[in-house]
PDB file of N, CA and C in Angstrom:
ATOM      1  N   MET A   1      76.919  10.665 -47.150  1.00  0.00           N
ATOM      2  CA  MET A   1      75.368  10.172 -47.544  1.00  0.00           C
ATOM      3  C   MET A   1      75.526  11.698 -48.403  1.00  0.00           C
ATOM      4  N   THR A   2      75.473  11.359 -49.177  1.00  0.00           N
ATOM      5  CA  THR A   2      75.403  12.295 -50.828  1.00  0.00           C
ATOM      6  C   THR A   2      73.651  11.596 -51.848  1.00  0.00           C
ATOM      7  N   THR A   3      72.934  13.111 -52.079  1.00  0.00           N
ATOM      8  CA  THR A   3      72.144  12.382 -53.335  1.00  0.00           C
ATOM      9  C   THR A   3      72.949  11.929 -54.858  1.00  0.00           C
ATOM     10  N   LEU A   4      72.376  10.849 -55.113  1.00  0.00           N
ATOM     11  CA  LEU A   4      72.087  10.558 -56.412  1.00  0.00           C
ATOM     12  C   LEU A   4      71.200  12.320 -57.643  1.00  0.00           C
ATOM     13  N   ARG A   5      71.840  12.767 -58.977  1.00  0.00           N
ATOM     14  CA  ARG A   5      70.977  13.437 -59.271  1.00  0.00           C
ATOM     15  C   ARG A   5      70.818  12.947 -60.828  1.00  0.00           C
ATOM     16  N   ARG A   6      72.380  12.395 -61.010  1.00  0.00           N
ATOM     17  CA  ARG A   6      72.346  11.947 -62.699  1.00  0.00           C
ATOM     18  C   ARG A   6      71.307  10.881 -63.173  1.00  0.00           C
ATOM     19  N   ARG A   7      70.833  10.470 -64.368  1.00  0.00           N
ATOM     20  CA  ARG A   7      70.018  10.262 -64.478  1.00  0.00           C
ATOM     21  C   ARG A   7      70.965   8.502 -64.769  1.00  0.00           C
ATOM     22  N   ALA A   8      72.235   8.755 -65.166  1.00  0.00           N
ATOM     23  CA  ALA A   8      72.914   7.590 -65.322  1.00  0.00           C
ATOM     24  C   ALA A   8      73.043   7.088 -64.035  1.00  0.00           C
ATOM     25  N   ASP A   9      73.575   7.609 -63.368  1.00  0.00           N
ATOM     26  CA  ASP A   9      73.290   7.450 -62.334  1.00  0.00           C
ATOM     27  C   ASP A   9      72.346   6.088 -61.866  1.00  0.00           C
ATOM     28  N   PHE A  10      71.117   6.824 -61.767  1.00  0.00           N
ATOM     29  CA  PHE A  10      69.738   6.005 -61.140  1.00  0.00           C
ATOM     30  C   PHE A  10      69.954   4.694 -62.283  1.00  0.00           C
ATOM     31  N   LEU A  11      70.034   4.706 -63.990  1.00  0.00           N
ATOM     32  CA  LEU A  11      70.365   3.081 -64.309  1.00  0.00           C
ATOM     33  C   LEU A  11      71.309   2.867 -64.035  1.00  0.00           C
ATOM     34  N   ARG A  12      72.457   2.634 -63.832  1.00  0.00           N
ATOM     35  CA  ARG A  12      73.481   2.234 -63.725  1.00  0.00           C
ATOM     36  C   ARG A  12      72.623   1.544 -62.349  1.00  0.00           C
ATOM     37  N   ALA A  13      72.275   1.412 -61.467  1.00  0.00           N
ATOM     38  CA  ALA A  13      72.015   1.389 -60.094  1.00  0.00           C
ATOM     39  C   ALA A  13      70.630  -0.161 -60.504  1.00  0.00           C
ATOM     40  N   ALA A  14      69.778   0.991 -61.263  1.00  0.00           N
ATOM     41  CA  ALA A  14      68.279  -0.582 -61.520  1.00  0.00           C
ATOM     42  C   ALA A  14      69.278  -1.746 -62.342  1.00  0.00           C
ATOM     43  N   ARG A  15      70.071  -1.780 -63.012  1.00  0.00           N
ATOM     44  CA  ARG A  15      70.839  -3.050 -64.337  1.00  0.00           C
ATOM     45  C   ARG A  15      71.359  -3.809 -62.541  1.00  0.00           C
ATOM     46  N   ALA A  16      71.653  -3.364 -62.237  1.00  0.00           N
ATOM     47  CA  ALA A  16      72.332  -4.036 -60.371  1.00  0.00           C
ATOM     48  C   ALA A  16      71.436  -5.590 -59.803  1.00  0.00           C
ATOM     49  N   ARG A  17      71.858  -4.663 -58.692  1.00  0.00           N
ATOM     50  CA  ARG A  17      70.999  -5.794 -56.915  1.00  0.00           C
ATOM     51  C   ARG A  17      69.556  -5.166 -57.170  1.00  0.00           C
ATOM     52  N   ARG A  18      68.356  -5.741 -56.929  1.00  0.00           N
ATOM     53  CA  ARG A  18      67.534  -5.645 -56.683  1.00  0.00           C
ATOM     54  C   ARG A  18      66.861  -6.106 -55.509  1.00  0.00           C
ATOM     55  N   GLN A  19      65.939  -5.343 -54.275  1.00  0.00           N
ATOM     56  CA  GLN A  19      65.274  -6.206 -53.208  1.00  0.00           C
ATOM     57  C   GLN A  19      63.892  -5.668 -53.204  1.00  0.00           C
ATOM     58  N   ALA A  20      63.387  -6.287 -53.413  1.00  0.00           N
ATOM     59  CA  ALA A  20      61.572  -6.327 -53.354  1.00  0.00           C
ATOM     60  C   ALA A  20      61.040  -6.871 -51.800  1.00  0.00           C
ATOM     61  N   MET A  21      60.606  -5.177 -51.401  1.00  0.00           N
ATOM     62  CA  MET A  21      59.941  -5.614 -49.788  1.00  0.00           C
ATOM     63  C   MET A  21      58.526  -4.916 -49.924  1.00  0.00           C
ATOM     64  N   PRO A  22      57.829  -4.810 -49.344  1.00  0.00           N
ATOM     65  CA  PRO A  22      56.421  -4.856 -48.846  1.00  0.00           C
ATOM     66  C   PRO A  22      56.488  -3.214 -49.547  1.00  0.00           C
ATOM     67  N   GLY A  23      56.719  -2.190 -49.185  1.00  0.00           N
ATOM     68  CA  GLY A  23      57.089  -0.877 -48.939  1.00  0.00           C
ATOM     69  C   GLY A  23      58.019   0.235 -50.026  1.00  0.00           C
ATOM     70  N   LEU A  24      58.614  -1.000 -50.204  1.00  0.00           N
ATOM     71  CA  LEU A  24      59.276  -0.488 -51.125  1.00  0.00           C
ATOM     72  C   LEU A  24      60.320  -1.299 -51.778  1.00  0.00           C
ATOM     73  N   ILE A  25      60.884  -1.136 -52.749  1.00  0.00           N
ATOM     74  CA  ILE A  25      62.349  -1.917 -53.973  1.00  0.00           C
ATOM     75  C   ILE A  25      64.018  -0.346 -53.360  1.00  0.00           C
ATOM     76  N   LEU A  26      64.421  -1.506 -53.499  1.00  0.00           N
ATOM     77  CA  LEU A  26      65.578  -0.853 -53.367  1.00  0.00           C
ATOM     78  C   LEU A  26      66.571  -1.850 -54.050  1.00  0.00           C
ATOM     79  N   GLN A  27      67.742  -1.009 -54.915  1.00  0.00           N
ATOM     80  CA  GLN A  27      68.457  -0.990 -56.189  1.00  0.00           C
ATOM     81  C   GLN A  27      69.981  -0.403 -55.866  1.00  0.00           C
ATOM     82  N   ALA A  28      70.696  -1.359 -55.547  1.00  0.00           N
ATOM     83  CA  ALA A  28      72.149  -0.718 -54.372  1.00  0.00           C
ATOM     84  C   ALA A  28      72.802  -1.588 -55.889  1.00  0.00           C
ATOM     85  N   ARG A  29      74.110  -0.870 -56.157  1.00  0.00           N
ATOM     86  CA  ARG A  29      75.426  -1.306 -56.358  1.00  0.00           C
ATOM     87  C   ARG A  29      76.287  -0.730 -56.015  1.00  0.00           C
ATOM     88  N   ARG A  30      78.037  -1.732 -56.178  1.00  0.00           N
ATOM     89  CA  ARG A  30      78.966  -1.187 -55.295  1.00  0.00           C
ATOM     90  C   ARG A  30      79.902  -0.264 -56.947  1.00  0.00           C
ATOM     91  N   ARG A  31      79.789   0.772 -56.585  1.00  0.00           N
ATOM     92  CA  ARG A  31      80.754   1.352 -57.114  1.00  0.00           C
ATOM     93  C   ARG A  31      81.966   0.969 -57.808  1.00  0.00           C
ATOM     94  N   ALA A  32      82.404   1.841 -59.129  1.00  0.00           N
ATOM     95  CA  ALA A  32      84.166   0.937 -59.361  1.00  0.00           C
ATOM     96  C   ALA A  32      84.969   2.061 -58.880  1.00  0.00           C
ATOM     97  N   ARG A  33      86.047   1.129 -58.416  1.00  0.00           N
ATOM     98  CA  ARG A  33      87.155   2.196 -57.877  1.00  0.00           C
ATOM     99  C   ARG A  33      87.380   3.536 -58.392  1.00  0.00           C
ATOM    100  N   ASP A  34      87.397   2.793 -59.713  1.00  0.00           N
ATOM    101  CA  ASP A  34      88.469   4.191 -60.327  1.00  0.00           C
ATOM    102  C   ASP A  34      87.007   5.662 -60.895  1.00  0.00           C
ATOM    103  N   GLU A  35      85.325   4.875 -60.231  1.00  0.00           N
ATOM    104  CA  GLU A  35      84.664   6.311 -60.218  1.00  0.00           C
ATOM    105  C   GLU A  35      83.559   6.451 -59.065  1.00  0.00           C
ATOM    106  N   LYS A  36      84.107   7.613 -58.981  1.00  0.00           N
ATOM    107  CA  LYS A  36      84.449   9.205 -58.607  1.00  0.00           C
ATOM    108  C   LYS A  36      82.358   9.737 -58.285  1.00  0.00           C
ATOM    109  N   ALA A  37      82.313   9.935 -57.263  1.00  0.00           N
ATOM    110  CA  ALA A  37      81.477  11.029 -56.706  1.00  0.00           C
ATOM    111  C   ALA A  37      81.492  12.084 -56.856  1.00  0.00           C
ATOM    112  N   PRO A  38      80.865  12.822 -58.182  1.00  0.00           N
ATOM    113  CA  PRO A  38      81.794  14.033 -58.407  1.00  0.00           C
ATOM    114  C   PRO A  38      81.536  14.745 -57.753  1.00  0.00           C
ATOM    115  N   GLY A  39      83.174  15.453 -57.238  1.00  0.00           N
ATOM    116  CA  GLY A  39      83.294  16.867 -56.260  1.00  0.00           C
ATOM    117  C   GLY A  39      83.620  16.110 -54.652  1.00  0.00           C
ATOM    118  N   LYS A  40      82.821  14.866 -54.271  1.00  0.00           N
ATOM    119  CA  LYS A  40      82.182  14.584 -52.793  1.00  0.00           C
ATOM    120  C   LYS A  40      83.773  13.564 -52.732  1.00  0.00           C
ATOM    121  N   ALA A  41      84.279  12.829 -51.996  1.00  0.00           N
ATOM    122  CA  ALA A  41      84.793  11.572 -51.236  1.00  0.00           C
ATOM    123  C   ALA A  41      84.055  10.552 -52.304  1.00  0.00           C
ATOM    124  N   PRO A  42      84.514   9.264 -52.063  1.00  0.00           N
ATOM    125  CA  PRO A  42      83.084   8.207 -52.168  1.00  0.00           C
ATOM    126  C   PRO A  42      83.275   7.585 -51.300  1.00  0.00           C
ATOM    127  N   GLY A  43      82.276   7.919 -50.962  1.00  0.00           N
ATOM    128  CA  GLY A  43      80.985   7.671 -49.629  1.00  0.00           C
ATOM    129  C   GLY A  43      79.558   6.754 -50.641  1.00  0.00           C
ATOM    130  N   MET A  44      78.985   7.093 -49.917  1.00  0.00           N
ATOM    131  CA  MET A  44      77.535   6.481 -49.882  1.00  0.00           C
ATOM    132  C   MET A  44      77.228   7.192 -50.817  1.00  0.00           C
ATOM    133  N   ARG A  45      75.714   6.561 -51.480  1.00  0.00           N
ATOM    134  CA  ARG A  45      75.532   7.071 -51.833  1.00  0.00           C
ATOM    135  C   ARG A  45      74.406   6.759 -52.286  1.00  0.00           C
ATOM    136  N   VAL A  46      72.710   7.920 -51.988  1.00  0.00           N
ATOM    137  CA  VAL A  46      71.612   7.912 -52.544  1.00  0.00           C
ATOM    138  C   VAL A  46      70.398   8.083 -53.608  1.00  0.00           C
ATOM    139  N   GLY A  47      70.057   7.574 -54.048  1.00  0.00           N
ATOM    140  CA  GLY A  47      68.319   8.244 -54.634  1.00  0.00           C
ATOM    141  C   GLY A  47      67.366   7.978 -54.673  1.00  0.00           C
ATOM    142  N   PHE A  48      66.782   8.579 -54.765  1.00  0.00           N
ATOM    143  CA  PHE A  48      64.369   8.401 -54.256  1.00  0.00           C
ATOM    144  C   PHE A  48      63.939   8.593 -56.151  1.00  0.00           C
ATOM    145  N   THR A  49      63.273   8.167 -56.241  1.00  0.00           N
ATOM    146  CA  THR A  49      62.358   7.691 -57.095  1.00  0.00           C
ATOM    147  C   THR A  49      60.840   7.467 -57.059  1.00  0.00           C
ATOM    148  N   CYS A  50      60.005   7.443 -57.346  1.00  0.00           N
ATOM    149  CA  CYS A  50      58.212   7.812 -57.291  1.00  0.00           C
ATOM    150  C   CYS A  50      58.219   7.684 -58.267  1.00  0.00           C
ATOM    151  N   SER A  51      57.247   7.501 -59.401  1.00  0.00           N
ATOM    152  CA  SER A  51      57.031   7.598 -60.643  1.00  0.00           C
ATOM    153  C   SER A  51      55.566   7.672 -60.956  1.00  0.00           C
ATOM    154  N   ARG A  52      54.352   7.840 -61.445  1.00  0.00           N
ATOM    155  CA  ARG A  52      53.594   8.140 -61.531  1.00  0.00           C
ATOM    156  C   ARG A  52      52.611   7.253 -61.427  1.00  0.00           C
ATOM    157  N   LYS A  53      52.511   6.226 -61.397  1.00  0.00           N
ATOM    158  CA  LYS A  53      52.002   4.929 -60.934  1.00  0.00           C
ATOM    159  C   LYS A  53      51.142   5.261 -59.701  1.00  0.00           C
ATOM    160  N   LEU A  54      52.898   6.745 -59.209  1.00  0.00           N
ATOM    161  CA  LEU A  54      52.324   5.964 -57.370  1.00  0.00           C
ATOM    162  C   LEU A  54      50.505   6.303 -57.142  1.00  0.00           C
ATOM    163  N   GLY A  55      50.988   7.600 -58.272  1.00  0.00           N
ATOM    164  CA  GLY A  55      49.159   9.031 -58.016  1.00  0.00           C
ATOM    165  C   GLY A  55      49.686  10.317 -58.441  1.00  0.00           C
ATOM    166  N   ASN A  56      49.136  11.364 -57.925  1.00  0.00           N
ATOM    167  CA  ASN A  56      49.404  12.899 -57.976  1.00  0.00           C
ATOM    168  C   ASN A  56      50.468  13.116 -57.227  1.00  0.00           C
ATOM    169  N   ALA A  57      50.479  14.383 -57.653  1.00  0.00           N
ATOM    170  CA  ALA A  57      52.573  14.796 -57.404  1.00  0.00           C
ATOM    171  C   ALA A  57      52.114  14.525 -55.764  1.00  0.00           C
ATOM    172  N   VAL A  58      50.839  15.342 -55.180  1.00  0.00           N
ATOM    173  CA  VAL A  58      51.226  15.990 -53.193  1.00  0.00           C
ATOM    174  C   VAL A  58      51.255  13.765 -52.381  1.00  0.00           C
ATOM    175  N   THR A  59      51.057  13.347 -53.299  1.00  0.00           N
ATOM    176  CA  THR A  59      50.862  11.365 -53.346  1.00  0.00           C
ATOM    177  C   THR A  59      53.076  11.129 -53.474  1.00  0.00           C
ATOM    178  N   ARG A  60      53.552  11.842 -55.290  1.00  0.00           N
ATOM    179  CA  ARG A  60      54.046  10.881 -55.270  1.00  0.00           C
ATOM    180  C   ARG A  60      55.845  12.101 -54.119  1.00  0.00           C
ATOM    181  N   ASN A  61      55.839  12.745 -53.761  1.00  0.00           N
ATOM    182  CA  ASN A  61      56.091  14.167 -53.184  1.00  0.00           C
ATOM    183  C   ASN A  61      56.049  13.174 -51.856  1.00  0.00           C
ATOM    184  N   ARG A  62      55.200  12.512 -51.023  1.00  0.00           N
ATOM    185  CA  ARG A  62      55.029  12.500 -49.329  1.00  0.00           C
ATOM    186  C   ARG A  62      55.750  11.152 -49.454  1.00  0.00           C
ATOM    187  N   ALA A  63      55.480  10.161 -50.350  1.00  0.00           N
ATOM    188  CA  ALA A  63      55.934   9.115 -50.577  1.00  0.00           C
ATOM    189  C   ALA A  63      57.964   9.356 -50.895  1.00  0.00           C
ATOM    190  N   ARG A  64      58.145   9.858 -51.379  1.00  0.00           N
ATOM    191  CA  ARG A  64      59.545  10.816 -52.030  1.00  0.00           C
ATOM    192  C   ARG A  64      60.273  11.727 -50.314  1.00  0.00           C
ATOM    193  N   ARG A  65      59.322  12.036 -49.428  1.00  0.00           N
ATOM    194  CA  ARG A  65      59.981  12.234 -48.369  1.00  0.00           C
ATOM    195  C   ARG A  65      60.088  10.747 -47.060  1.00  0.00           C
ATOM    196  N   ARG A  66      59.252  10.258 -47.227  1.00  0.00           N
ATOM    197  CA  ARG A  66      59.035   9.428 -46.439  1.00  0.00           C
ATOM    198  C   ARG A  66      60.219   8.088 -46.530  1.00  0.00           C
ATOM    199  N   LEU A  67      60.629   8.023 -48.054  1.00  0.00           N
ATOM    200  CA  LEU A  67      61.364   7.305 -48.184  1.00  0.00           C
ATOM    201  C   LEU A  67      62.867   7.995 -48.331  1.00  0.00           C
ATOM    202  N   ARG A  68      63.004  10.044 -47.437  1.00  0.00           N
ATOM    203  CA  ARG A  68      63.776  10.500 -47.320  1.00  0.00           C
ATOM    204  C   ARG A  68      64.253   9.878 -46.244  1.00  0.00           C
ATOM    205  N   ALA A  69      63.405  10.431 -45.237  1.00  0.00           N
ATOM    206  CA  ALA A  69      62.851   9.836 -43.770  1.00  0.00           C
ATOM    207  C   ALA A  69      63.576   8.355 -43.436  1.00  0.00           C
ATOM    208  N   VAL A  70      63.580   7.185 -44.078  1.00  0.00           N
ATOM    209  CA  VAL A  70      64.287   6.114 -43.568  1.00  0.00           C
ATOM    210  C   VAL A  70      65.448   5.879 -44.448  1.00  0.00           C
ATOM    211  N   ALA A  71      65.876   6.560 -44.895  1.00  0.00           N
ATOM    212  CA  ALA A  71      66.888   6.438 -45.372  1.00  0.00           C
ATOM    213  C   ALA A  71      67.857   7.060 -44.622  1.00  0.00           C
ATOM    214  N   ARG A  72      67.926   8.048 -44.292  1.00  0.00           N
ATOM    215  CA  ARG A  72      68.958   8.519 -43.481  1.00  0.00           C
ATOM    216  C   ARG A  72      68.410   8.239 -41.903  1.00  0.00           C
ATOM    217  N   GLU A  73      67.684   7.625 -41.467  1.00  0.00           N
ATOM    218  CA  GLU A  73      67.398   6.554 -40.342  1.00  0.00           C
ATOM    219  C   GLU A  73      68.093   5.663 -39.805  1.00  0.00           C
ATOM    220  N   VAL A  74      67.911   4.514 -41.700  1.00  0.00           N
ATOM    221  CA  VAL A  74      68.887   3.200 -41.586  1.00  0.00           C
ATOM    222  C   VAL A  74      70.314   3.085 -42.152  1.00  0.00           C
ATOM    223  N   LEU A  75      71.116   3.571 -43.280  1.00  0.00           N
ATOM    224  CA  LEU A  75      71.890   3.565 -44.636  1.00  0.00           C
ATOM    225  C   LEU A  75      72.753   3.986 -43.073  1.00  0.00           C
ATOM    226  N   PRO A  76      72.413   5.220 -42.554  1.00  0.00           N
ATOM    227  CA  PRO A  76      73.675   5.136 -41.691  1.00  0.00           C
ATOM    228  C   PRO A  76      74.528   4.125 -40.705  1.00  0.00           C
ATOM    229  N   ARG A  77      73.326   3.688 -40.492  1.00  0.00           N
ATOM    230  CA  ARG A  77      74.208   1.781 -39.743  1.00  0.00           C
ATOM    231  C   ARG A  77      74.326   0.648 -41.037  1.00  0.00           C
ATOM    232  N   PHE A  78      73.484   0.704 -41.476  1.00  0.00           N
ATOM    233  CA  PHE A  78      73.503  -0.386 -42.609  1.00  0.00           C
ATOM    234  C   PHE A  78      73.570  -0.302 -44.093  1.00  0.00           C
ATOM    235  N   GLY A  79      73.911   1.139 -44.520  1.00  0.00           N
ATOM    236  CA  GLY A  79      74.435   1.481 -45.860  1.00  0.00           C
ATOM    237  C   GLY A  79      76.163   0.601 -45.118  1.00  0.00           C
ATOM    238  N   ARG A  80      76.831   0.619 -47.332  1.00  0.00           N
ATOM    239  CA  ARG A  80      78.516   1.215 -46.902  1.00  0.00           C
ATOM    240  C   ARG A  80      78.623   1.828 -47.770  1.00  0.00           C
ATOM    241  N   PRO A  81      79.451   2.720 -47.194  1.00  0.00           N
ATOM    242  CA  PRO A  81      81.349   3.389 -48.167  1.00  0.00           C
ATOM    243  C   PRO A  81      80.303   2.491 -49.470  1.00  0.00           C
ATOM    244  N   GLY A  82      80.789   3.382 -50.144  1.00  0.00           N
ATOM    245  CA  GLY A  82      81.024   2.995 -51.885  1.00  0.00           C
ATOM    246  C   GLY A  82      80.136   2.177 -52.775  1.00  0.00           C
ATOM    247  N   TRP A  83      79.029   2.974 -52.011  1.00  0.00           N
ATOM    248  CA  TRP A  83      77.741   1.936 -53.137  1.00  0.00           C
ATOM    249  C   TRP A  83      76.441   3.182 -53.594  1.00  0.00           C
ATOM    250  N   ASP A  84      76.077   3.050 -54.452  1.00  0.00           N
ATOM    251  CA  ASP A  84      74.621   3.208 -54.863  1.00  0.00           C
ATOM    252  C   ASP A  84      73.777   3.130 -55.016  1.00  0.00           C
ATOM    253  N   TYR A  85      72.223   4.428 -54.166  1.00  0.00           N
ATOM    254  CA  TYR A  85      71.713   3.218 -53.389  1.00  0.00           C
ATOM    255  C   TYR A  85      70.008   3.682 -54.019  1.00  0.00           C
ATOM    256  N   VAL A  86      69.373   3.151 -54.787  1.00  0.00           N
ATOM    257  CA  VAL A  86      67.748   3.792 -54.684  1.00  0.00           C
ATOM    258  C   VAL A  86      66.838   3.271 -54.301  1.00  0.00           C
ATOM    259  N   LEU A  87      66.594   4.391 -53.745  1.00  0.00           N
ATOM    260  CA  LEU A  87      65.407   3.199 -53.128  1.00  0.00           C
ATOM    261  C   LEU A  87      63.804   3.903 -53.344  1.00  0.00           C
ATOM    262  N   VAL A  88      62.778   3.275 -54.150  1.00  0.00           N
ATOM    263  CA  VAL A  88      61.432   3.505 -55.240  1.00  0.00           C
ATOM    264  C   VAL A  88      60.805   2.760 -55.027  1.00  0.00           C
ATOM    265  N   GLY A  89      59.659   3.885 -54.910  1.00  0.00           N
ATOM    266  CA  GLY A  89      57.793   3.726 -53.920  1.00  0.00           C
ATOM    267  C   GLY A  89      57.594   2.891 -54.405  1.00  0.00           C
ATOM    268  N   ARG A  90      56.747   1.984 -53.653  1.00  0.00           N
ATOM    269  CA  ARG A  90      55.382   1.141 -54.527  1.00  0.00           C
ATOM    270  C   ARG A  90      54.493   2.368 -53.690  1.00  0.00           C
ATOM    271  N   ARG A  91      53.348   1.754 -55.271  1.00  0.00           N
ATOM    272  CA  ARG A  91      51.966   2.021 -55.167  1.00  0.00           C
ATOM    273  C   ARG A  91      50.990   2.857 -53.640  1.00  0.00           C
ATOM    274  N   THR A  92      51.267   2.152 -53.608  1.00  0.00           N
ATOM    275  CA  THR A  92      49.951   2.381 -52.418  1.00  0.00           C
ATOM    276  C   THR A  92      50.856   2.026 -51.119  1.00  0.00           C
ATOM    277  N   ALA A  93      51.776   1.164 -51.556  1.00  0.00           N
ATOM    278  CA  ALA A  93      52.141   0.754 -49.926  1.00  0.00           C
ATOM    279  C   ALA A  93      53.509   2.129 -48.558  1.00  0.00           C
ATOM    280  N   THR A  94      53.992   3.168 -50.171  1.00  0.00           N
ATOM    281  CA  THR A  94      55.553   3.308 -49.846  1.00  0.00           C
ATOM    282  C   THR A  94      54.403   5.013 -48.689  1.00  0.00           C
ATOM    283  N   VAL A  95      53.005   5.122 -49.254  1.00  0.00           N
ATOM    284  CA  VAL A  95      52.024   5.392 -48.382  1.00  0.00           C
ATOM    285  C   VAL A  95      51.555   5.802 -46.719  1.00  0.00           C
ATOM    286  N   THR A  96      50.980   4.422 -47.352  1.00  0.00           N
ATOM    287  CA  THR A  96      49.894   3.700 -46.573  1.00  0.00           C
ATOM    288  C   THR A  96      50.761   2.816 -45.150  1.00  0.00           C
ATOM    289  N   ARG A  97      51.939   2.203 -45.064  1.00  0.00           N
ATOM    290  CA  ARG A  97      52.759   1.779 -44.500  1.00  0.00           C
ATOM    291  C   ARG A  97      53.390   2.067 -43.123  1.00  0.00           C
ATOM    292  N   PRO A  98      53.056   1.708 -41.855  1.00  0.00           N
ATOM    293  CA  PRO A  98      53.411   1.957 -40.497  1.00  0.00           C
ATOM    294  C   PRO A  98      54.630   2.421 -40.525  1.00  0.00           C
ATOM    295  N   PHE A  99      54.896   4.780 -40.838  1.00  0.00           N
ATOM    296  CA  PHE A  99      56.698   4.229 -41.066  1.00  0.00           C
ATOM    297  C   PHE A  99      57.560   3.280 -39.659  1.00  0.00           C
ATOM    298  N   GLY A 100      57.622   2.750 -39.161  1.00  0.00           N
ATOM    299  CA  GLY A 100      57.442   1.360 -38.283  1.00  0.00           C
ATOM    300  C   GLY A 100      58.648   0.554 -39.987  1.00  0.00           C
ATOM    301  N   ALA A 101      57.445   0.541 -40.380  1.00  0.00           N
ATOM    302  CA  ALA A 101      57.563  -1.219 -40.804  1.00  0.00           C
ATOM    303  C   ALA A 101      58.402  -0.581 -42.134  1.00  0.00           C
ATOM    304  N   LEU A 102      58.121   0.061 -42.455  1.00  0.00           N
ATOM    305  CA  LEU A 102      59.424   1.098 -43.990  1.00  0.00           C
ATOM    306  C   LEU A 102      60.812   0.812 -43.426  1.00  0.00           C
ATOM    307  N   LEU A 103      60.629   1.034 -42.227  1.00  0.00           N
ATOM    308  CA  LEU A 103      62.056   1.357 -41.990  1.00  0.00           C
ATOM    309  C   LEU A 103      62.941  -0.040 -41.648  1.00  0.00           C
ATOM    310  N   GLU A 104      61.875  -1.805 -41.002  1.00  0.00           N
ATOM    311  CA  GLU A 104      62.122  -2.424 -40.769  1.00  0.00           C
ATOM    312  C   GLU A 104      62.475  -3.086 -42.708  1.00  0.00           C
ATOM    313  N   ASP A 105      61.574  -2.320 -43.307  1.00  0.00           N
ATOM    314  CA  ASP A 105      61.331  -2.921 -45.204  1.00  0.00           C
ATOM    315  C   ASP A 105      63.060  -2.730 -45.537  1.00  0.00           C
ATOM    316  N   LEU A 106      63.649  -1.712 -45.843  1.00  0.00           N
ATOM    317  CA  LEU A 106      64.821  -0.626 -45.575  1.00  0.00           C
ATOM    318  C   LEU A 106      65.749  -1.780 -45.098  1.00  0.00           C
ATOM    319  N   GLU A 107      66.192  -2.371 -43.557  1.00  0.00           N
ATOM    320  CA  GLU A 107      66.838  -2.719 -43.295  1.00  0.00           C
ATOM    321  C   GLU A 107      67.005  -3.783 -43.997  1.00  0.00           C
ATOM    322  N   ARG A 108      66.353  -4.844 -43.891  1.00  0.00           N
ATOM    323  CA  ARG A 108      66.293  -6.709 -44.422  1.00  0.00           C
ATOM    324  C   ARG A 108      66.630  -6.208 -45.800  1.00  0.00           C
ATOM    325  N   ALA A 109      65.691  -4.909 -46.257  1.00  0.00           N
ATOM    326  CA  ALA A 109      66.978  -5.268 -47.338  1.00  0.00           C
ATOM    327  C   ALA A 109      68.164  -4.431 -47.779  1.00  0.00           C
ATOM    328  N   LEU A 110      68.519  -4.280 -46.565  1.00  0.00           N
ATOM    329  CA  LEU A 110      70.337  -3.887 -46.703  1.00  0.00           C
ATOM    330  C   LEU A 110      70.947  -5.574 -46.892  1.00  0.00           C
ATOM    331  N   LYS A 111      70.567  -5.717 -45.798  1.00  0.00           N
ATOM    332  CA  LYS A 111      70.988  -6.614 -45.244  1.00  0.00           C
ATOM    333  C   LYS A 111      71.085  -8.414 -46.547  1.00  0.00           C
ATOM    334  N   ARG A 112      69.593  -8.286 -46.502  1.00  0.00           N
ATOM    335  CA  ARG A 112      69.560  -9.255 -48.638  1.00  0.00           C
ATOM    336  C   ARG A 112      70.508  -8.453 -49.208  1.00  0.00           C
ATOM    337  N   ILE A 113      70.719  -7.756 -49.334  1.00  0.00           N
ATOM    338  CA  ILE A 113      72.271  -7.084 -50.606  1.00  0.00           C
ATOM    339  C   ILE A 113      73.566  -7.362 -50.827  1.00  0.00           C
ATOM    340  N   HIS A 114      73.682  -6.902 -49.326  1.00  0.00           N
ATOM    341  CA  HIS A 114      74.468  -7.133 -48.676  1.00  0.00           C
ATOM    342  C   HIS A 114      75.543  -8.451 -48.334  1.00  0.00           C
ATOM    343  N   ARG A 115      74.097 -10.017 -47.808  1.00  0.00           N
ATOM    344  CA  ARG A 115      74.337 -10.461 -47.554  1.00  0.00           C
ATOM    345  C   ARG A 115      75.335 -12.196 -48.997  1.00  0.00           C
ATOM    346  N   ASP A 116      74.834 -11.524 -50.239  1.00  0.00           N
ATOM    347  CA  ASP A 116      75.771 -11.722 -51.000  1.00  0.00           C
ATOM    348  C   ASP A 116      77.435 -11.401 -51.767  1.00  0.00           C
ATOM    349  N   ALA A 117      77.589  -9.837 -50.942  1.00  0.00           N
ATOM    350  CA  ALA A 117      78.456  -9.022 -51.866  1.00  0.00           C
ATOM    351  C   ALA A 117      79.800  -9.053 -50.772  1.00  0.00           C
TER     352      ALA A 117
END
């Protein structure tokens, strides 16, 4: 699992499928066969974003850390190779929601996104 770094990758994911949950928003897209992660095998890629609407820098960093921890737990089990995932923090919920509930939110979001794929 590699991390998305380029803005273009985030924008492509934002135009694809999305699933809003109480604690986060999941954006996901299947990469084209000819598109490769730079220097990496065509596995799963993940990105994280928290806007200024979420709060100050301390709050945004806490939300991003929680999203990274949730992704480490859930994506190896429910994510699919060849897909890009972007986890977006929600205003108050990402920081205040219990960690177990965030785990369930991501699991349900992944199942819903992949149900139609």
